[in-house]
Amino acid sequence: QVTPIFSPGIEWWMRYDTGGDWNGGPHQYVGPTMRINFGE
């Protein structure tokens, strides 16, 4: 939380399923994030 309004971050997520083809993975992603919060 840089300020009450702005919070940068970094996130990783993975997806794996037993479908059997390339889409089943596992596939992994990582990247920058940000949140802008004005209360409501």
Full PDB file with SEQRES, HELIX, SHEET, SSBOND, CRYST1, ORIGX, SCALE, CONECT and MASTER records, all heavy atoms in Angstrom:
SEQRES   1 A   40  GLN VAL THR PRO ILE PHE SER PRO GLY ILE GLU TRP TRP          
SEQRES   2 A   40  MET ARG TYR ASP THR GLY GLY ASP TRP ASN GLY GLY PRO          
SEQRES   3 A   40  HIS GLN TYR VAL GLY PRO THR MET ARG ILE ASN PHE GLY          
SEQRES   4 A   40  GLU                                                          
HELIX    1 AA1 TRP A   22  GLY A   24  5                                   3    
SHEET    1 AA1 2 PHE A   6  ARG A  15  0                                        
SHEET    2 AA1 2 HIS A  27  ILE A  36 -1                                        
CRYST1    1.000    1.000    1.000  90.00  90.00  90.00 P 1           1          
ORIGX1      1.000000  0.000000  0.000000        0.00000                         
ORIGX2      0.000000  1.000000  0.000000        0.00000                         
ORIGX3      0.000000  0.000000  1.000000        0.00000                         
SCALE1      1.000000  0.000000  0.000000        0.00000                         
SCALE2      0.000000  1.000000  0.000000        0.00000                         
SCALE3      0.000000  0.000000  1.000000        0.00000                         
ATOM      1  N   GLN A   1       0.835  -1.196   0.000  1.00  0.00           N  
ATOM      2  CA  GLN A   1       0.000   0.000   0.000  1.00  0.00           C  
ATOM      3  C   GLN A   1       0.875   1.252   0.000  1.00  0.00           C  
ATOM      4  O   GLN A   1       1.342   1.707   1.038  1.00  0.00           O  
ATOM      5  CB  GLN A   1      -0.941   0.008   1.210  1.00  0.00           C  
ATOM      6  CG  GLN A   1      -1.958   1.143   1.174  1.00  0.00           C  
ATOM      7  CD  GLN A   1      -2.786   1.205   2.434  1.00  0.00           C  
ATOM      8  OE1 GLN A   1      -2.396   1.823   3.412  1.00  0.00           O  
ATOM      9  NE2 GLN A   1      -3.942   0.538   2.410  1.00  0.00           N  
ATOM     10  N   VAL A   2       1.094   1.816  -1.179  1.00  0.00           N  
ATOM     11  CA  VAL A   2       1.866   3.051  -1.297  1.00  0.00           C  
ATOM     12  C   VAL A   2       1.097   4.212  -0.682  1.00  0.00           C  
ATOM     13  O   VAL A   2       1.662   5.034   0.059  1.00  0.00           O  
ATOM     14  CB  VAL A   2       2.193   3.331  -2.774  1.00  0.00           C  
ATOM     15  CG1 VAL A   2       2.933   4.657  -2.925  1.00  0.00           C  
ATOM     16  CG2 VAL A   2       3.017   2.194  -3.358  1.00  0.00           C  
ATOM     17  N   THR A   3      -0.196   4.283  -0.988  1.00  0.00           N  
ATOM     18  CA  THR A   3      -1.124   5.240  -0.381  1.00  0.00           C  
ATOM     19  C   THR A   3      -2.426   4.499  -0.119  1.00  0.00           C  
ATOM     20  O   THR A   3      -2.616   3.386  -0.636  1.00  0.00           O  
ATOM     21  CB  THR A   3      -1.387   6.443  -1.303  1.00  0.00           C  
ATOM     22  OG1 THR A   3      -2.197   6.016  -2.413  1.00  0.00           O  
ATOM     23  CG2 THR A   3      -0.078   7.050  -1.816  1.00  0.00           C  
ATOM     24  N   PRO A   4      -3.359   5.054   0.655  1.00  0.00           N  
ATOM     25  CA  PRO A   4      -4.650   4.383   0.834  1.00  0.00           C  
ATOM     26  C   PRO A   4      -5.376   4.134  -0.488  1.00  0.00           C  
ATOM     27  O   PRO A   4      -6.227   3.249  -0.561  1.00  0.00           O  
ATOM     28  CB  PRO A   4      -5.427   5.359   1.718  1.00  0.00           C  
ATOM     29  CG  PRO A   4      -4.376   6.091   2.486  1.00  0.00           C  
ATOM     30  CD  PRO A   4      -3.231   6.248   1.523  1.00  0.00           C  
ATOM     31  N   ILE A   5      -5.035   4.877  -1.528  1.00  0.00           N  
ATOM     32  CA  ILE A   5      -5.691   4.720  -2.828  1.00  0.00           C  
ATOM     33  C   ILE A   5      -4.960   3.718  -3.708  1.00  0.00           C  
ATOM     34  O   ILE A   5      -5.589   2.906  -4.390  1.00  0.00           O  
ATOM     35  CB  ILE A   5      -5.795   6.087  -3.550  1.00  0.00           C  
ATOM     36  CG1 ILE A   5      -6.733   7.012  -2.780  1.00  0.00           C  
ATOM     37  CG2 ILE A   5      -6.263   5.913  -4.991  1.00  0.00           C  
ATOM     38  CD1 ILE A   5      -6.824   8.406  -3.377  1.00  0.00           C  
ATOM     39  N   PHE A   6      -3.644   3.716  -3.718  1.00  0.00           N  
ATOM     40  CA  PHE A   6      -2.869   2.965  -4.706  1.00  0.00           C  
ATOM     41  C   PHE A   6      -2.047   1.859  -4.059  1.00  0.00           C  
ATOM     42  O   PHE A   6      -1.258   2.111  -3.143  1.00  0.00           O  
ATOM     43  CB  PHE A   6      -1.938   3.916  -5.457  1.00  0.00           C  
ATOM     44  CG  PHE A   6      -1.075   3.250  -6.493  1.00  0.00           C  
ATOM     45  CD1 PHE A   6      -1.637   2.596  -7.577  1.00  0.00           C  
ATOM     46  CD2 PHE A   6       0.306   3.280  -6.365  1.00  0.00           C  
ATOM     47  CE1 PHE A   6      -0.840   1.977  -8.527  1.00  0.00           C  
ATOM     48  CE2 PHE A   6       1.118   2.676  -7.311  1.00  0.00           C  
ATOM     49  CZ  PHE A   6       0.538   2.015  -8.400  1.00  0.00           C  
ATOM     50  N   SER A   7      -2.239   0.615  -4.560  1.00  0.00           N  
ATOM     51  CA  SER A   7      -1.495  -0.544  -4.059  1.00  0.00           C  
ATOM     52  C   SER A   7      -1.002  -1.376  -5.245  1.00  0.00           C  
ATOM     53  O   SER A   7      -1.784  -2.107  -5.858  1.00  0.00           O  
ATOM     54  CB  SER A   7      -2.367  -1.417  -3.155  1.00  0.00           C  
ATOM     55  OG  SER A   7      -2.791  -0.706  -2.005  1.00  0.00           O  
ATOM     56  N   PRO A   8       0.282  -1.276  -5.606  1.00  0.00           N  
ATOM     57  CA  PRO A   8       0.830  -2.149  -6.644  1.00  0.00           C  
ATOM     58  C   PRO A   8       1.147  -3.517  -6.070  1.00  0.00           C  
ATOM     59  O   PRO A   8       1.216  -3.704  -4.846  1.00  0.00           O  
ATOM     60  CB  PRO A   8       2.095  -1.416  -7.079  1.00  0.00           C  
ATOM     61  CG  PRO A   8       2.534  -0.705  -5.843  1.00  0.00           C  
ATOM     62  CD  PRO A   8       1.273  -0.315  -5.104  1.00  0.00           C  
ATOM     63  N   GLY A   9       1.360  -4.491  -6.954  1.00  0.00           N  
ATOM     64  CA  GLY A   9       1.693  -5.828  -6.486  1.00  0.00           C  
ATOM     65  C   GLY A   9       2.244  -6.689  -7.597  1.00  0.00           C  
ATOM     66  O   GLY A   9       2.461  -6.229  -8.724  1.00  0.00           O  
ATOM     67  N   ILE A  10       2.470  -7.945  -7.275  1.00  0.00           N  
ATOM     68  CA  ILE A  10       2.881  -8.940  -8.253  1.00  0.00           C  
ATOM     69  C   ILE A  10       2.173 -10.242  -7.895  1.00  0.00           C  
ATOM     70  O   ILE A  10       2.000 -10.559  -6.710  1.00  0.00           O  
ATOM     71  CB  ILE A  10       4.417  -9.110  -8.291  1.00  0.00           C  
ATOM     72  CG1 ILE A  10       4.824 -10.027  -9.443  1.00  0.00           C  
ATOM     73  CG2 ILE A  10       4.948  -9.605  -6.956  1.00  0.00           C  
ATOM     74  CD1 ILE A  10       6.309 -10.004  -9.730  1.00  0.00           C  
ATOM     75  N   GLU A  11       1.753 -10.983  -8.925  1.00  0.00           N  
ATOM     76  CA  GLU A  11       0.944 -12.185  -8.679  1.00  0.00           C  
ATOM     77  C   GLU A  11       1.379 -13.309  -9.611  1.00  0.00           C  
ATOM     78  O   GLU A  11       1.730 -13.080 -10.768  1.00  0.00           O  
ATOM     79  CB  GLU A  11      -0.533 -11.869  -8.897  1.00  0.00           C  
ATOM     80  CG  GLU A  11      -1.480 -13.015  -8.577  1.00  0.00           C  
ATOM     81  CD  GLU A  11      -2.940 -12.649  -8.753  1.00  0.00           C  
ATOM     82  OE1 GLU A  11      -3.232 -11.811  -9.642  1.00  0.00           O  
ATOM     83  OE2 GLU A  11      -3.785 -13.195  -8.028  1.00  0.00           O  
ATOM     84  N   TRP A  12       1.324 -14.526  -9.074  1.00  0.00           N  
ATOM     85  CA  TRP A  12       1.579 -15.756  -9.825  1.00  0.00           C  
ATOM     86  C   TRP A  12       0.345 -16.628  -9.758  1.00  0.00           C  
ATOM     87  O   TRP A  12      -0.327 -16.689  -8.720  1.00  0.00           O  
ATOM     88  CB  TRP A  12       2.765 -16.497  -9.220  1.00  0.00           C  
ATOM     89  CG  TRP A  12       2.889 -17.936  -9.655  1.00  0.00           C  
ATOM     90  CD1 TRP A  12       3.530 -18.416 -10.758  1.00  0.00           C  
ATOM     91  CD2 TRP A  12       2.360 -19.083  -8.977  1.00  0.00           C  
ATOM     92  NE1 TRP A  12       3.434 -19.781 -10.824  1.00  0.00           N  
ATOM     93  CE2 TRP A  12       2.709 -20.221  -9.730  1.00  0.00           C  
ATOM     94  CE3 TRP A  12       1.608 -19.260  -7.806  1.00  0.00           C  
ATOM     95  CZ2 TRP A  12       2.344 -21.515  -9.363  1.00  0.00           C  
ATOM     96  CZ3 TRP A  12       1.238 -20.541  -7.437  1.00  0.00           C  
ATOM     97  CH2 TRP A  12       1.619 -21.656  -8.201  1.00  0.00           C  
ATOM     98  N   TRP A  13       0.004 -17.277 -10.862  1.00  0.00           N  
ATOM     99  CA  TRP A  13      -1.061 -18.275 -10.826  1.00  0.00           C  
ATOM    100  C   TRP A  13      -0.762 -19.402 -11.811  1.00  0.00           C  
ATOM    101  O   TRP A  13      -0.040 -19.210 -12.784  1.00  0.00           O  
ATOM    102  CB  TRP A  13      -2.437 -17.666 -11.086  1.00  0.00           C  
ATOM    103  CG  TRP A  13      -2.632 -16.954 -12.402  1.00  0.00           C  
ATOM    104  CD1 TRP A  13      -2.311 -15.658 -12.687  1.00  0.00           C  
ATOM    105  CD2 TRP A  13      -3.217 -17.488 -13.592  1.00  0.00           C  
ATOM    106  NE1 TRP A  13      -2.655 -15.344 -13.979  1.00  0.00           N  
ATOM    107  CE2 TRP A  13      -3.219 -16.444 -14.561  1.00  0.00           C  
ATOM    108  CE3 TRP A  13      -3.762 -18.719 -13.941  1.00  0.00           C  
ATOM    109  CZ2 TRP A  13      -3.728 -16.615 -15.844  1.00  0.00           C  
ATOM    110  CZ3 TRP A  13      -4.270 -18.894 -15.224  1.00  0.00           C  
ATOM    111  CH2 TRP A  13      -4.250 -17.856 -16.155  1.00  0.00           C  
ATOM    112  N   MET A  14      -1.304 -20.566 -11.512  1.00  0.00           N  
ATOM    113  CA  MET A  14      -1.081 -21.757 -12.320  1.00  0.00           C  
ATOM    114  C   MET A  14      -2.412 -22.449 -12.573  1.00  0.00           C  
ATOM    115  O   MET A  14      -3.323 -22.382 -11.744  1.00  0.00           O  
ATOM    116  CB  MET A  14      -0.137 -22.728 -11.606  1.00  0.00           C  
ATOM    117  CG  MET A  14       0.243 -23.941 -12.436  1.00  0.00           C  
ATOM    118  SD  MET A  14       1.071 -25.229 -11.446  1.00  0.00           S  
ATOM    119  CE  MET A  14      -0.349 -26.045 -10.727  1.00  0.00           C  
ATOM    120  N   ARG A  15      -2.519 -23.106 -13.719  1.00  0.00           N  
ATOM    121  CA  ARG A  15      -3.703 -23.910 -13.997  1.00  0.00           C  
ATOM    122  C   ARG A  15      -3.276 -25.249 -14.583  1.00  0.00           C  
ATOM    123  O   ARG A  15      -2.489 -25.305 -15.527  1.00  0.00           O  
ATOM    124  CB  ARG A  15      -4.664 -23.205 -14.949  1.00  0.00           C  
ATOM    125  CG  ARG A  15      -5.974 -23.979 -15.139  1.00  0.00           C  
ATOM    126  CD  ARG A  15      -6.979 -23.203 -15.955  1.00  0.00           C  
ATOM    127  NE  ARG A  15      -8.192 -23.956 -16.193  1.00  0.00           N  
ATOM    128  CZ  ARG A  15      -9.273 -23.939 -15.425  1.00  0.00           C  
ATOM    129  NH1 ARG A  15      -9.267 -23.183 -14.336  1.00  0.00           N  
ATOM    130  NH2 ARG A  15     -10.343 -24.647 -15.716  1.00  0.00           N  
ATOM    131  N   TYR A  16      -3.803 -26.312 -13.979  1.00  0.00           N  
ATOM    132  CA  TYR A  16      -3.546 -27.669 -14.460  1.00  0.00           C  
ATOM    133  C   TYR A  16      -4.845 -28.453 -14.369  1.00  0.00           C  
ATOM    134  O   TYR A  16      -5.537 -28.423 -13.337  1.00  0.00           O  
ATOM    135  CB  TYR A  16      -2.484 -28.357 -13.609  1.00  0.00           C  
ATOM    136  CG  TYR A  16      -2.411 -29.851 -13.855  1.00  0.00           C  
ATOM    137  CD1 TYR A  16      -1.819 -30.340 -15.020  1.00  0.00           C  
ATOM    138  CD2 TYR A  16      -2.972 -30.743 -12.959  1.00  0.00           C  
ATOM    139  CE1 TYR A  16      -1.785 -31.710 -15.273  1.00  0.00           C  
ATOM    140  CE2 TYR A  16      -2.930 -32.122 -13.195  1.00  0.00           C  
ATOM    141  CZ  TYR A  16      -2.334 -32.588 -14.350  1.00  0.00           C  
ATOM    142  OH  TYR A  16      -2.313 -33.934 -14.603  1.00  0.00           O  
ATOM    143  N   ASP A  17      -5.223 -29.127 -15.458  1.00  0.00           N  
ATOM    144  CA  ASP A  17      -6.371 -30.029 -15.377  1.00  0.00           C  
ATOM    145  C   ASP A  17      -6.046 -31.339 -16.084  1.00  0.00           C  
ATOM    146  O   ASP A  17      -5.039 -31.455 -16.787  1.00  0.00           O  
ATOM    147  CB  ASP A  17      -7.656 -29.382 -15.909  1.00  0.00           C  
ATOM    148  CG  ASP A  17      -7.667 -29.196 -17.420  1.00  0.00           C  
ATOM    149  OD1 ASP A  17      -7.285 -30.124 -18.142  1.00  0.00           O  
ATOM    150  OD2 ASP A  17      -8.069 -28.122 -17.881  1.00  0.00           O  
ATOM    151  N   THR A  18      -6.886 -32.326 -15.863  1.00  0.00           N  
ATOM    152  CA  THR A  18      -6.631 -33.671 -16.370  1.00  0.00           C  
ATOM    153  C   THR A  18      -7.241 -33.880 -17.745  1.00  0.00           C  
ATOM    154  O   THR A  18      -7.504 -35.017 -18.139  1.00  0.00           O  
ATOM    155  CB  THR A  18      -7.184 -34.712 -15.373  1.00  0.00           C  
ATOM    156  OG1 THR A  18      -8.590 -34.451 -15.146  1.00  0.00           O  
ATOM    157  CG2 THR A  18      -6.451 -34.627 -14.051  1.00  0.00           C  
ATOM    158  N   GLY A  19      -7.464 -32.799 -18.485  1.00  0.00           N  
ATOM    159  CA  GLY A  19      -8.073 -32.914 -19.804  1.00  0.00           C  
ATOM    160  C   GLY A  19      -7.224 -33.673 -20.805  1.00  0.00           C  
ATOM    161  O   GLY A  19      -7.746 -34.249 -21.759  1.00  0.00           O  
ATOM    162  N   GLY A  20      -5.903 -33.647 -20.642  1.00  0.00           N  
ATOM    163  CA  GLY A  20      -5.056 -34.475 -21.484  1.00  0.00           C  
ATOM    164  C   GLY A  20      -4.379 -33.770 -22.640  1.00  0.00           C  
ATOM    165  O   GLY A  20      -3.333 -34.215 -23.104  1.00  0.00           O  
ATOM    166  N   ASP A  21      -4.919 -32.651 -23.137  1.00  0.00           N  
ATOM    167  CA  ASP A  21      -4.279 -31.957 -24.246  1.00  0.00           C  
ATOM    168  C   ASP A  21      -3.389 -30.832 -23.709  1.00  0.00           C  
ATOM    169  O   ASP A  21      -3.206 -30.684 -22.509  1.00  0.00           O  
ATOM    170  CB  ASP A  21      -5.325 -31.418 -25.233  1.00  0.00           C  
ATOM    171  CG  ASP A  21      -6.282 -30.417 -24.587  1.00  0.00           C  
ATOM    172  OD1 ASP A  21      -6.076 -30.090 -23.398  1.00  0.00           O  
ATOM    173  OD2 ASP A  21      -7.218 -29.964 -25.262  1.00  0.00           O  
ATOM    174  N   TRP A  22      -2.840 -30.029 -24.624  1.00  0.00           N  
ATOM    175  CA  TRP A  22      -1.921 -28.970 -24.205  1.00  0.00           C  
ATOM    176  C   TRP A  22      -2.600 -27.978 -23.268  1.00  0.00           C  
ATOM    177  O   TRP A  22      -1.972 -27.456 -22.335  1.00  0.00           O  
ATOM    178  CB  TRP A  22      -1.377 -28.232 -25.436  1.00  0.00           C  
ATOM    179  CG  TRP A  22      -0.394 -27.153 -25.084  1.00  0.00           C  
ATOM    180  CD1 TRP A  22       0.936 -27.308 -24.800  1.00  0.00           C  
ATOM    181  CD2 TRP A  22      -0.659 -25.753 -24.945  1.00  0.00           C  
ATOM    182  NE1 TRP A  22       1.515 -26.092 -24.492  1.00  0.00           N  
ATOM    183  CE2 TRP A  22       0.561 -25.118 -24.587  1.00  0.00           C  
ATOM    184  CE3 TRP A  22      -1.801 -24.970 -25.100  1.00  0.00           C  
ATOM    185  CZ2 TRP A  22       0.653 -23.745 -24.377  1.00  0.00           C  
ATOM    186  CZ3 TRP A  22      -1.714 -23.600 -24.892  1.00  0.00           C  
ATOM    187  CH2 TRP A  22      -0.494 -23.000 -24.532  1.00  0.00           C  
ATOM    188  N   ASN A  23      -3.882 -27.702 -23.478  1.00  0.00           N  
ATOM    189  CA  ASN A  23      -4.597 -26.763 -22.621  1.00  0.00           C  
ATOM    190  C   ASN A  23      -4.658 -27.241 -21.170  1.00  0.00           C  
ATOM    191  O   ASN A  23      -4.874 -26.437 -20.267  1.00  0.00           O  
ATOM    192  CB  ASN A  23      -6.021 -26.532 -23.145  1.00  0.00           C  
ATOM    193  CG  ASN A  23      -6.051 -25.624 -24.348  1.00  0.00           C  
ATOM    194  OD1 ASN A  23      -5.258 -24.696 -24.459  1.00  0.00           O  
ATOM    195  ND2 ASN A  23      -6.954 -25.895 -25.285  1.00  0.00           N  
ATOM    196  N   GLY A  24      -4.480 -28.554 -20.953  1.00  0.00           N  
ATOM    197  CA  GLY A  24      -4.513 -29.075 -19.591  1.00  0.00           C  
ATOM    198  C   GLY A  24      -3.361 -28.586 -18.738  1.00  0.00           C  
ATOM    199  O   GLY A  24      -3.440 -28.598 -17.522  1.00  0.00           O  
ATOM    200  N   GLY A  25      -2.278 -28.190 -19.395  1.00  0.00           N  
ATOM    201  CA  GLY A  25      -1.154 -27.625 -18.673  1.00  0.00           C  
ATOM    202  C   GLY A  25      -0.250 -28.664 -18.032  1.00  0.00           C  
ATOM    203  O   GLY A  25      -0.178 -29.804 -18.500  1.00  0.00           O  
ATOM    204  N   PRO A  26       0.454 -28.271 -16.969  1.00  0.00           N  
ATOM    205  CA  PRO A  26       0.241 -27.018 -16.223  1.00  0.00           C  
ATOM    206  C   PRO A  26       0.781 -25.798 -16.955  1.00  0.00           C  
ATOM    207  O   PRO A  26       1.815 -25.869 -17.615  1.00  0.00           O  
ATOM    208  CB  PRO A  26       1.017 -27.241 -14.926  1.00  0.00           C  
ATOM    209  CG  PRO A  26       2.088 -28.213 -15.308  1.00  0.00           C  
ATOM    210  CD  PRO A  26       1.497 -29.104 -16.354  1.00  0.00           C  
ATOM    211  N   HIS A  27       0.034 -24.686 -16.818  1.00  0.00           N  
ATOM    212  CA  HIS A  27       0.452 -23.399 -17.356  1.00  0.00           C  
ATOM    213  C   HIS A  27       0.605 -22.426 -16.198  1.00  0.00           C  
ATOM    214  O   HIS A  27      -0.253 -22.382 -15.305  1.00  0.00           O  
ATOM    215  CB  HIS A  27      -0.571 -22.867 -18.363  1.00  0.00           C  
ATOM    216  CG  HIS A  27      -0.729 -23.746 -19.559  1.00  0.00           C  
ATOM    217  ND1 HIS A  27       0.327 -24.097 -20.376  1.00  0.00           N  
ATOM    218  CD2 HIS A  27      -1.821 -24.374 -20.077  1.00  0.00           C  
ATOM    219  CE1 HIS A  27      -0.106 -24.886 -21.343  1.00  0.00           C  
ATOM    220  NE2 HIS A  27      -1.398 -25.082 -21.176  1.00  0.00           N  
ATOM    221  N   GLN A  28       1.668 -21.646 -16.236  1.00  0.00           N  
ATOM    222  CA  GLN A  28       1.956 -20.696 -15.172  1.00  0.00           C  
ATOM    223  C   GLN A  28       2.094 -19.283 -15.741  1.00  0.00           C  
ATOM    224  O   GLN A  28       2.676 -19.092 -16.814  1.00  0.00           O  
ATOM    225  CB  GLN A  28       3.243 -21.069 -14.451  1.00  0.00           C  
ATOM    226  CG  GLN A  28       3.210 -22.434 -13.799  1.00  0.00           C  
ATOM    227  CD  GLN A  28       4.443 -22.689 -12.966  1.00  0.00           C  
ATOM    228  OE1 GLN A  28       4.692 -21.992 -11.979  1.00  0.00           O  
ATOM    229  NE2 GLN A  28       5.234 -23.675 -13.345  1.00  0.00           N  
ATOM    230  N   TYR A  29       1.542 -18.324 -15.005  1.00  0.00           N  
ATOM    231  CA  TYR A  29       1.613 -16.916 -15.385  1.00  0.00           C  
ATOM    232  C   TYR A  29       2.102 -16.098 -14.196  1.00  0.00           C  
ATOM    233  O   TYR A  29       1.822 -16.429 -13.037  1.00  0.00           O  
ATOM    234  CB  TYR A  29       0.232 -16.392 -15.796  1.00  0.00           C  
ATOM    235  CG  TYR A  29      -0.260 -16.870 -17.133  1.00  0.00           C  
ATOM    236  CD1 TYR A  29      -0.874 -18.112 -17.273  1.00  0.00           C  
ATOM    237  CD2 TYR A  29      -0.144 -16.072 -18.279  1.00  0.00           C  
ATOM    238  CE1 TYR A  29      -1.350 -18.551 -18.499  1.00  0.00           C  
ATOM    239  CE2 TYR A  29      -0.616 -16.504 -19.511  1.00  0.00           C  
ATOM    240  CZ  TYR A  29      -1.219 -17.734 -19.611  1.00  0.00           C  
ATOM    241  OH  TYR A  29      -1.685 -18.164 -20.832  1.00  0.00           O  
ATOM    242  N   VAL A  30       2.800 -15.026 -14.489  1.00  0.00           N  
ATOM    243  CA  VAL A  30       3.204 -14.087 -13.453  1.00  0.00           C  
ATOM    244  C   VAL A  30       3.196 -12.687 -14.053  1.00  0.00           C  
ATOM    245  O   VAL A  30       3.462 -12.517 -15.252  1.00  0.00           O  
ATOM    246  CB  VAL A  30       4.605 -14.433 -12.892  1.00  0.00           C  
ATOM    247  CG1 VAL A  30       5.701 -14.230 -13.929  1.00  0.00           C  
ATOM    248  CG2 VAL A  30       4.906 -13.623 -11.636  1.00  0.00           C  
ATOM    249  N   GLY A  31       2.877 -11.696 -13.225  1.00  0.00           N  
ATOM    250  CA  GLY A  31       2.873 -10.343 -13.753  1.00  0.00           C  
ATOM    251  C   GLY A  31       2.542  -9.297 -12.711  1.00  0.00           C  
ATOM    252  O   GLY A  31       2.125  -9.613 -11.585  1.00  0.00           O  
ATOM    253  N   PRO A  32       2.708  -8.030 -13.088  1.00  0.00           N  
ATOM    254  CA  PRO A  32       2.420  -6.928 -12.172  1.00  0.00           C  
ATOM    255  C   PRO A  32       0.921  -6.674 -12.056  1.00  0.00           C  
ATOM    256  O   PRO A  32       0.151  -6.915 -12.982  1.00  0.00           O  
ATOM    257  CB  PRO A  32       3.124  -5.736 -12.835  1.00  0.00           C  
ATOM    258  CG  PRO A  32       3.075  -6.066 -14.300  1.00  0.00           C  
ATOM    259  CD  PRO A  32       3.222  -7.557 -14.387  1.00  0.00           C  
ATOM    260  N   THR A  33       0.533  -6.177 -10.896  1.00  0.00           N  
ATOM    261  CA  THR A  33      -0.870  -5.836 -10.640  1.00  0.00           C  
ATOM    262  C   THR A  33      -0.933  -4.450  -9.999  1.00  0.00           C  
ATOM    263  O   THR A  33       0.075  -3.912  -9.537  1.00  0.00           O  
ATOM    264  CB  THR A  33      -1.529  -6.844  -9.687  1.00  0.00           C  
ATOM    265  OG1 THR A  33      -0.959  -6.702  -8.374  1.00  0.00           O  
ATOM    266  CG2 THR A  33      -1.334  -8.267 -10.178  1.00  0.00           C  
ATOM    267  N   MET A  34      -2.135  -3.912  -9.959  1.00  0.00           N  
ATOM    268  CA  MET A  34      -2.357  -2.697  -9.184  1.00  0.00           C  
ATOM    269  C   MET A  34      -3.809  -2.637  -8.754  1.00  0.00           C  
ATOM    270  O   MET A  34      -4.698  -3.194  -9.406  1.00  0.00           O  
ATOM    271  CB  MET A  34      -1.999  -1.439  -9.983  1.00  0.00           C  
ATOM    272  CG  MET A  34      -2.953  -1.097 -11.087  1.00  0.00           C  
ATOM    273  SD  MET A  34      -2.595   0.550 -11.796  1.00  0.00           S  
ATOM    274  CE  MET A  34      -3.981   0.717 -12.943  1.00  0.00           C  
ATOM    275  N   ARG A  35      -4.022  -1.976  -7.625  1.00  0.00           N  
ATOM    276  CA  ARG A  35      -5.374  -1.739  -7.122  1.00  0.00           C  
ATOM    277  C   ARG A  35      -5.525  -0.259  -6.818  1.00  0.00           C  
ATOM    278  O   ARG A  35      -4.667   0.334  -6.149  1.00  0.00           O  
ATOM    279  CB  ARG A  35      -5.655  -2.550  -5.860  1.00  0.00           C  
ATOM    280  CG  ARG A  35      -7.089  -2.394  -5.363  1.00  0.00           C  
ATOM    281  CD  ARG A  35      -7.308  -3.136  -4.060  1.00  0.00           C  
ATOM    282  NE  ARG A  35      -6.608  -2.500  -2.949  1.00  0.00           N  
ATOM    283  CZ  ARG A  35      -6.585  -2.988  -1.712  1.00  0.00           C  
ATOM    284  NH1 ARG A  35      -7.177  -4.127  -1.441  1.00  0.00           N  
ATOM    285  NH2 ARG A  35      -5.944  -2.350  -0.748  1.00  0.00           N  
ATOM    286  N   ILE A  36      -6.600   0.317  -7.321  1.00  0.00           N  
ATOM    287  CA  ILE A  36      -6.954   1.700  -7.014  1.00  0.00           C  
ATOM    288  C   ILE A  36      -8.253   1.663  -6.216  1.00  0.00           C  
ATOM    289  O   ILE A  36      -9.264   1.130  -6.685  1.00  0.00           O  
ATOM    290  CB  ILE A  36      -7.117   2.530  -8.297  1.00  0.00           C  
ATOM    291  CG1 ILE A  36      -5.783   2.579  -9.050  1.00  0.00           C  
ATOM    292  CG2 ILE A  36      -7.585   3.935  -7.971  1.00  0.00           C  
ATOM    293  CD1 ILE A  36      -5.851   3.288 -10.379  1.00  0.00           C  
ATOM    294  N   ASN A  37      -8.231   2.220  -5.011  1.00  0.00           N  
ATOM    295  CA  ASN A  37      -9.352   2.096  -4.085  1.00  0.00           C  
ATOM    296  C   ASN A  37      -9.844   3.476  -3.660  1.00  0.00           C  
ATOM    297  O   ASN A  37      -9.101   4.269  -3.076  1.00  0.00           O  
ATOM    298  CB  ASN A  37      -8.913   1.291  -2.857  1.00  0.00           C  
ATOM    299  CG  ASN A  37     -10.029   1.116  -1.849  1.00  0.00           C  
ATOM    300  OD1 ASN A  37     -11.209   1.206  -2.191  1.00  0.00           O  
ATOM    301  ND2 ASN A  37      -9.667   0.874  -0.605  1.00  0.00           N  
ATOM    302  N   PHE A  38     -11.114   3.760  -3.967  1.00  0.00           N  
ATOM    303  CA  PHE A  38     -11.736   5.021  -3.558  1.00  0.00           C  
ATOM    304  C   PHE A  38     -12.819   4.806  -2.504  1.00  0.00           C  
ATOM    305  O   PHE A  38     -13.755   5.584  -2.401  1.00  0.00           O  
ATOM    306  CB  PHE A  38     -12.338   5.728  -4.772  1.00  0.00           C  
ATOM    307  CG  PHE A  38     -11.305   6.223  -5.754  1.00  0.00           C  
ATOM    308  CD1 PHE A  38     -11.074   5.546  -6.940  1.00  0.00           C  
ATOM    309  CD2 PHE A  38     -10.552   7.354  -5.476  1.00  0.00           C  
ATOM    310  CE1 PHE A  38     -10.117   5.994  -7.838  1.00  0.00           C  
ATOM    311  CE2 PHE A  38      -9.601   7.813  -6.373  1.00  0.00           C  
ATOM    312  CZ  PHE A  38      -9.377   7.126  -7.561  1.00  0.00           C  
ATOM    313  N   GLY A  39     -12.699   3.726  -1.730  1.00  0.00           N  
ATOM    314  CA  GLY A  39     -13.683   3.461  -0.685  1.00  0.00           C  
ATOM    315  C   GLY A  39     -14.863   2.682  -1.201  1.00  0.00           C  
ATOM    316  O   GLY A  39     -14.910   1.454  -1.103  1.00  0.00           O  
ATOM    317  N   GLU A  40     -15.847   3.380  -1.769  1.00  0.00           N  
ATOM    318  CA  GLU A  40     -17.020   2.690  -2.301  1.00  0.00           C  
ATOM    319  C   GLU A  40     -16.783   2.147  -3.705  1.00  0.00           C  
ATOM    320  O   GLU A  40     -17.602   1.417  -4.246  1.00  0.00           O  
ATOM    321  CB  GLU A  40     -18.239   3.626  -2.304  1.00  0.00           C  
ATOM    322  CG  GLU A  40     -18.228   4.730  -3.355  1.00  0.00           C  
ATOM    323  CD  GLU A  40     -17.424   5.947  -2.923  1.00  0.00           C  
ATOM    324  OE1 GLU A  40     -16.925   5.960  -1.784  1.00  0.00           O  
ATOM    325  OE2 GLU A  40     -17.298   6.879  -3.741  1.00  0.00           O  
TER     326      GLU A  40                                                      
MASTER        0    0    0    1    2    0    0    6  325    1    0    4          
END                                                                             
